[in-house]
Amino acid sequence: MGSVTEYSIMCHVFEDLNFNRLCCEVLASNQSAIQMHKHFGFVQEGYFREHVMKGGQHVDVISLPFYEKNGNQENSKVENRLKRKGVL
């Protein structure tokens, strides 16, 4: 479900809104989300120490932008994988 949502958001941001960059921030402890974003072509660009509070603790956050100009090939790969899985 996460892959379909991510793909749909990217299509909306780059095709409908015509943005050139999409940036997400993920808790550094959430390795599965970080890997999913990287799978889509996002790259780690920033690491913010003690950036947010969670459960009364300061936690680190990773910044992962995606640049549309670098993503056409990645988008095609992701789209093909989702079509093979029958979710698109």
C-alpha atoms as a PDB file:
ATOM      1  CA  MET A   1       0.000   0.000   0.000  1.00  0.00           C
ATOM      2  CA  GLY A   2       2.865   2.380   0.790  1.00  0.00           C
ATOM      3  CA  SER A   3       4.356   1.996  -2.684  1.00  0.00           C
ATOM      4  CA  VAL A   4       1.061   2.764  -4.405  1.00  0.00           C
ATOM      5  CA  THR A   5       0.542   5.821  -2.209  1.00  0.00           C
ATOM      6  CA  GLU A   6       4.084   7.056  -2.795  1.00  0.00           C
ATOM      7  CA  TYR A   7       3.770   6.578  -6.561  1.00  0.00           C
ATOM      8  CA  SER A   8       0.401   8.389  -6.639  1.00  0.00           C
ATOM      9  CA  ILE A   9       1.754  11.333  -4.656  1.00  0.00           C
ATOM     10  CA  MET A  10       4.807  11.593  -6.912  1.00  0.00           C
ATOM     11  CA  CYS A  11       2.625  11.573 -10.027  1.00  0.00           C
ATOM     12  CA  HIS A  12       0.430  14.322  -8.577  1.00  0.00           C
ATOM     13  CA  VAL A  13       3.375  16.466  -7.442  1.00  0.00           C
ATOM     14  CA  PHE A  14       5.349  16.225 -10.694  1.00  0.00           C
ATOM     15  CA  GLU A  15       2.645  15.839 -13.343  1.00  0.00           C
ATOM     16  CA  ASP A  16      -0.316  17.817 -11.971  1.00  0.00           C
ATOM     17  CA  LEU A  17       1.457  20.459  -9.873  1.00  0.00           C
ATOM     18  CA  ASN A  18       4.574  20.599 -12.083  1.00  0.00           C
ATOM     19  CA  PHE A  19       6.975  20.766  -9.123  1.00  0.00           C
ATOM     20  CA  ASN A  20      10.627  19.931  -9.653  1.00  0.00           C
ATOM     21  CA  ARG A  21      11.416  18.639  -6.140  1.00  0.00           C
ATOM     22  CA  LEU A  22       9.672  16.636  -3.450  1.00  0.00           C
ATOM     23  CA  CYS A  23      11.242  16.305  -0.019  1.00  0.00           C
ATOM     24  CA  CYS A  24      10.258  13.976   2.787  1.00  0.00           C
ATOM     25  CA  GLU A  25      11.503  13.753   6.335  1.00  0.00           C
ATOM     26  CA  VAL A  26      11.625  10.395   8.104  1.00  0.00           C
ATOM     27  CA  LEU A  27      12.512   9.461  11.663  1.00  0.00           C
ATOM     28  CA  ALA A  28      16.024   8.027  11.528  1.00  0.00           C
ATOM     29  CA  SER A  29      14.835   4.938  13.401  1.00  0.00           C
ATOM     30  CA  ASN A  30      12.283   4.107  10.663  1.00  0.00           C
ATOM     31  CA  GLN A  31      14.609   2.171   8.365  1.00  0.00           C
ATOM     32  CA  SER A  32      11.783   0.514   6.406  1.00  0.00           C
ATOM     33  CA  ALA A  33      10.365   3.910   5.366  1.00  0.00           C
ATOM     34  CA  ILE A  34      13.843   5.188   4.491  1.00  0.00           C
ATOM     35  CA  GLN A  35      14.479   2.146   2.296  1.00  0.00           C
ATOM     36  CA  MET A  36      11.097   2.528   0.567  1.00  0.00           C
ATOM     37  CA  HIS A  37      11.837   6.171  -0.289  1.00  0.00           C
ATOM     38  CA  LYS A  38      15.314   5.254  -1.560  1.00  0.00           C
ATOM     39  CA  HIS A  39      13.728   2.496  -3.652  1.00  0.00           C
ATOM     40  CA  PHE A  40      11.743   5.249  -5.404  1.00  0.00           C
ATOM     41  CA  GLY A  41      14.878   7.281  -6.086  1.00  0.00           C
ATOM     42  CA  PHE A  42      14.921   9.614  -3.084  1.00  0.00           C
ATOM     43  CA  VAL A  43      18.429  10.348  -1.804  1.00  0.00           C
ATOM     44  CA  GLN A  44      19.536  11.172   1.712  1.00  0.00           C
ATOM     45  CA  GLU A  45      20.534  14.806   1.748  1.00  0.00           C
ATOM     46  CA  GLY A  46      20.279  15.801   5.376  1.00  0.00           C
ATOM     47  CA  TYR A  47      20.497  14.403   8.878  1.00  0.00           C
ATOM     48  CA  PHE A  48      18.945  16.483  11.648  1.00  0.00           C
ATOM     49  CA  ARG A  49      19.995  15.495  15.156  1.00  0.00           C
ATOM     50  CA  GLU A  50      17.317  15.703  17.848  1.00  0.00           C
ATOM     51  CA  HIS A  51      15.015  17.413  15.340  1.00  0.00           C
ATOM     52  CA  VAL A  52      11.595  16.420  16.738  1.00  0.00           C
ATOM     53  CA  MET A  53      10.057  15.217  19.980  1.00  0.00           C
ATOM     54  CA  LYS A  54       8.548  11.741  20.074  1.00  0.00           C
ATOM     55  CA  GLY A  55       7.453  10.091  23.294  1.00  0.00           C
ATOM     56  CA  GLY A  56       9.122  12.826  25.296  1.00  0.00           C
ATOM     57  CA  GLN A  57      12.481  12.200  23.617  1.00  0.00           C
ATOM     58  CA  HIS A  58      14.350  14.205  21.010  1.00  0.00           C
ATOM     59  CA  VAL A  59      14.835  12.012  17.924  1.00  0.00           C
ATOM     60  CA  ASP A  60      16.871  12.333  14.745  1.00  0.00           C
ATOM     61  CA  VAL A  61      15.282  12.928  11.336  1.00  0.00           C
ATOM     62  CA  ILE A  62      16.581  12.182   7.843  1.00  0.00           C
ATOM     63  CA  SER A  63      15.775  14.456   4.893  1.00  0.00           C
ATOM     64  CA  LEU A  64      15.261  12.663   1.564  1.00  0.00           C
ATOM     65  CA  PRO A  65      14.539  14.816  -1.511  1.00  0.00           C
ATOM     66  CA  PHE A  66      13.611  13.573  -4.959  1.00  0.00           C
ATOM     67  CA  TYR A  67      14.360  15.724  -8.003  1.00  0.00           C
ATOM     68  CA  GLU A  68      12.014  15.256 -10.945  1.00  0.00           C
ATOM     69  CA  LYS A  69      14.741  15.829 -13.528  1.00  0.00           C
ATOM     70  CA  ASN A  70      16.630  12.804 -12.175  1.00  0.00           C
ATOM     71  CA  GLY A  71      13.625  10.586 -11.703  1.00  0.00           C
ATOM     72  CA  ASN A  72      12.075   9.688 -15.037  1.00  0.00           C
ATOM     73  CA  GLN A  73      13.935   6.381 -15.269  1.00  0.00           C
ATOM     74  CA  GLU A  74      13.230   5.515 -11.619  1.00  0.00           C
ATOM     75  CA  ASN A  75       9.536   6.333 -12.052  1.00  0.00           C
ATOM     76  CA  SER A  76       9.326   3.995 -15.038  1.00  0.00           C
ATOM     77  CA  LYS A  77      10.925   1.158 -13.056  1.00  0.00           C
ATOM     78  CA  VAL A  78       8.533   1.671 -10.141  1.00  0.00           C
ATOM     79  CA  GLU A  79       5.516   1.917 -12.429  1.00  0.00           C
ATOM     80  CA  ASN A  80       6.474  -1.346 -14.159  1.00  0.00           C
ATOM     81  CA  ARG A  81       6.918  -3.136 -10.802  1.00  0.00           C
ATOM     82  CA  LEU A  82       3.521  -1.930  -9.581  1.00  0.00           C
ATOM     83  CA  LYS A  83       1.866  -3.011 -12.831  1.00  0.00           C
ATOM     84  CA  ARG A  84       3.434  -6.489 -12.510  1.00  0.00           C
ATOM     85  CA  LYS A  85       2.010  -6.728  -8.994  1.00  0.00           C
ATOM     86  CA  GLY A  86      -1.403  -5.763 -10.385  1.00  0.00           C
ATOM     87  CA  VAL A  87      -1.838  -2.651  -8.240  1.00  0.00           C
ATOM     88  CA  LEU A  88      -1.845  -0.145 -11.120  1.00  0.00           C
END
